[in-house]
Each structure stands twice: as structure tokens, then as C-alpha cells.
């Protein structure tokens, strides 16, 4: 699945792409947890995408909004945010 790209977290100090919310994997869950509109994050096997966004050998992930809709795509794997109440 791949989610829409209408979620931006430009105010995050970890964001690697203004207008989106792309962060290094070690920070993906942490950043998503503190943003109420974050629905989770997704990772891809697309080498070109990783060439653009990976930093210092750390893979990156893109966060998505709770309102984004998923489209089937074999290159992307989503991880939904779990809210514990």
C-alpha cells in the first residue's frame, strides 16, 4: 500500500523534505506519536527514493495522515500508528 502525500510536518526538526513528512527510520515512530494527525509511516524498497532521502546510512520513512487513503503498491509497506488508551 502507499498512502497519500498530503501530510506535512515541516515544523519537525527531523523532517527531510518540506511539504511532506520524511524522517529517518529511528525517528519515524517518535515523530508520529507526537503528531496527533499522524496515522503511521511507510517504508519503500525503491532504491531511487532511498538515494534521495536516506541520511548517513539510515533508511528513511514517510509519515502519513489519519485522513490519507491507501492505494495498493508492492514497493511500500505501511506501519499504522497504534493508540493505547
C-alpha atoms as a PDB file:
ATOM      1  CA  UNK A   1       0.000   0.000   0.000  1.00  0.00           C
ATOM      2  CA  UNK A   2       1.023   3.569  -0.474  1.00  0.00           C
ATOM      3  CA  UNK A   3      -0.668   6.450   1.287  1.00  0.00           C
ATOM      4  CA  UNK A   4      -1.310   9.959   0.028  1.00  0.00           C
ATOM      5  CA  UNK A   5       1.295  12.649   0.447  1.00  0.00           C
ATOM      6  CA  UNK A   6      -0.906  15.399   1.857  1.00  0.00           C
ATOM      7  CA  UNK A   7       0.688  15.214   5.303  1.00  0.00           C
ATOM      8  CA  UNK A   8       3.418  17.734   6.103  1.00  0.00           C
ATOM      9  CA  UNK A   9       5.408  18.064   9.287  1.00  0.00           C
ATOM     10  CA  UNK A  10       7.636  20.945   8.265  1.00  0.00           C
ATOM     11  CA  UNK A  11       7.876  22.062  11.871  1.00  0.00           C
ATOM     12  CA  UNK A  12       9.597  18.796  12.815  1.00  0.00           C
ATOM     13  CA  UNK A  13      13.325  19.169  13.329  1.00  0.00           C
ATOM     14  CA  UNK A  14      13.722  15.698  11.807  1.00  0.00           C
ATOM     15  CA  UNK A  15      11.838  16.359   8.540  1.00  0.00           C
ATOM     16  CA  UNK A  16      13.973  15.770   5.427  1.00  0.00           C
ATOM     17  CA  UNK A  17      11.524  17.073   2.800  1.00  0.00           C
ATOM     18  CA  UNK A  18       9.484  20.277   3.163  1.00  0.00           C
ATOM     19  CA  UNK A  19       5.891  19.732   2.067  1.00  0.00           C
ATOM     20  CA  UNK A  20       5.999  16.083   3.128  1.00  0.00           C
ATOM     21  CA  UNK A  21       6.941  14.292   6.300  1.00  0.00           C
ATOM     22  CA  UNK A  22      10.002  12.159   5.603  1.00  0.00           C
ATOM     23  CA  UNK A  23      12.177  11.236   8.558  1.00  0.00           C
ATOM     24  CA  UNK A  24      14.954   8.776   9.335  1.00  0.00           C
ATOM     25  CA  UNK A  25      13.598   5.414  10.481  1.00  0.00           C
ATOM     26  CA  UNK A  26      14.904   5.761  14.050  1.00  0.00           C
ATOM     27  CA  UNK A  27      12.647   8.806  14.456  1.00  0.00           C
ATOM     28  CA  UNK A  28       9.559   7.684  12.492  1.00  0.00           C
ATOM     29  CA  UNK A  29       7.525   6.276  15.392  1.00  0.00           C
ATOM     30  CA  UNK A  30       8.699   9.006  17.790  1.00  0.00           C
ATOM     31  CA  UNK A  31       7.726  11.838  15.431  1.00  0.00           C
ATOM     32  CA  UNK A  32       4.410  10.175  14.509  1.00  0.00           C
ATOM     33  CA  UNK A  33       3.496   9.597  18.155  1.00  0.00           C
ATOM     34  CA  UNK A  34       3.789  13.271  19.000  1.00  0.00           C
ATOM     35  CA  UNK A  35       1.738  14.458  15.969  1.00  0.00           C
ATOM     36  CA  UNK A  36      -1.982  13.950  16.571  1.00  0.00           C
ATOM     37  CA  UNK A  37      -2.817  13.868  12.842  1.00  0.00           C
ATOM     38  CA  UNK A  38      -0.190  11.200  12.039  1.00  0.00           C
ATOM     39  CA  UNK A  39      -1.730   7.878  11.070  1.00  0.00           C
ATOM     40  CA  UNK A  40       1.534   5.968  10.761  1.00  0.00           C
ATOM     41  CA  UNK A  41       4.535   5.691   8.493  1.00  0.00           C
ATOM     42  CA  UNK A  42       5.554   3.686   5.461  1.00  0.00           C
ATOM     43  CA  UNK A  43       8.809   2.383   4.050  1.00  0.00           C
ATOM     44  CA  UNK A  44       9.738   1.576   0.476  1.00  0.00           C
ATOM     45  CA  UNK A  45      12.089  -0.722  -1.401  1.00  0.00           C
ATOM     46  CA  UNK A  46      12.573   1.941  -4.117  1.00  0.00           C
ATOM     47  CA  UNK A  47      16.353   2.499  -4.332  1.00  0.00           C
ATOM     48  CA  UNK A  48      15.999   5.918  -6.016  1.00  0.00           C
ATOM     49  CA  UNK A  49      13.781   7.158  -3.185  1.00  0.00           C
ATOM     50  CA  UNK A  50      16.350   5.994  -0.627  1.00  0.00           C
ATOM     51  CA  UNK A  51      19.142   7.676  -2.600  1.00  0.00           C
ATOM     52  CA  UNK A  52      17.260  10.961  -2.163  1.00  0.00           C
ATOM     53  CA  UNK A  53      16.255  10.707   1.479  1.00  0.00           C
ATOM     54  CA  UNK A  54      18.461   8.317   3.438  1.00  0.00           C
ATOM     55  CA  UNK A  55      20.986  10.099   5.668  1.00  0.00           C
ATOM     56  CA  UNK A  56      24.298   8.737   6.908  1.00  0.00           C
ATOM     57  CA  UNK A  57      23.281   5.161   6.105  1.00  0.00           C
ATOM     58  CA  UNK A  58      19.961   5.434   7.965  1.00  0.00           C
ATOM     59  CA  UNK A  59      16.903   4.476   5.895  1.00  0.00           C
ATOM     60  CA  UNK A  60      14.000   6.911   5.789  1.00  0.00           C
ATOM     61  CA  UNK A  61      10.245   6.583   6.130  1.00  0.00           C
ATOM     62  CA  UNK A  62       7.329   8.796   5.114  1.00  0.00           C
ATOM     63  CA  UNK A  63       4.656   9.625   7.644  1.00  0.00           C
ATOM     64  CA  UNK A  64       1.026   9.826   6.560  1.00  0.00           C
ATOM     65  CA  UNK A  65      -2.089  11.470   7.913  1.00  0.00           C
ATOM     66  CA  UNK A  66      -5.011   9.764   9.629  1.00  0.00           C
ATOM     67  CA  UNK A  67      -7.111  11.034   6.693  1.00  0.00           C
ATOM     68  CA  UNK A  68      -4.896   9.623   3.922  1.00  0.00           C
ATOM     69  CA  UNK A  69      -6.251   6.752   1.856  1.00  0.00           C
ATOM     70  CA  UNK A  70      -4.182   3.738   0.848  1.00  0.00           C
ATOM     71  CA  UNK A  71      -3.552   2.627  -2.733  1.00  0.00           C
ATOM     72  CA  UNK A  72      -2.105  -0.834  -3.454  1.00  0.00           C
ATOM     73  CA  UNK A  73       1.625  -0.680  -4.197  1.00  0.00           C
ATOM     74  CA  UNK A  74       4.065  -3.577  -3.719  1.00  0.00           C
ATOM     75  CA  UNK A  75       7.037  -1.250  -3.096  1.00  0.00           C
ATOM     76  CA  UNK A  76       5.606   0.342   0.076  1.00  0.00           C
ATOM     77  CA  UNK A  77       4.888  -1.218   3.460  1.00  0.00           C
ATOM     78  CA  UNK A  78       2.762   0.786   5.924  1.00  0.00           C
ATOM     79  CA  UNK A  79       3.004   0.716   9.720  1.00  0.00           C
ATOM     80  CA  UNK A  80      -0.149   2.083  11.316  1.00  0.00           C
ATOM     81  CA  UNK A  81       0.063   4.176  14.459  1.00  0.00           C
ATOM     82  CA  UNK A  82      -1.283   2.340  17.472  1.00  0.00           C
ATOM     83  CA  UNK A  83      -3.029   4.499  20.016  1.00  0.00           C
ATOM     84  CA  UNK A  84      -3.111   2.985  23.514  1.00  0.00           C
ATOM     85  CA  UNK A  85      -5.879   4.273  25.718  1.00  0.00           C
END
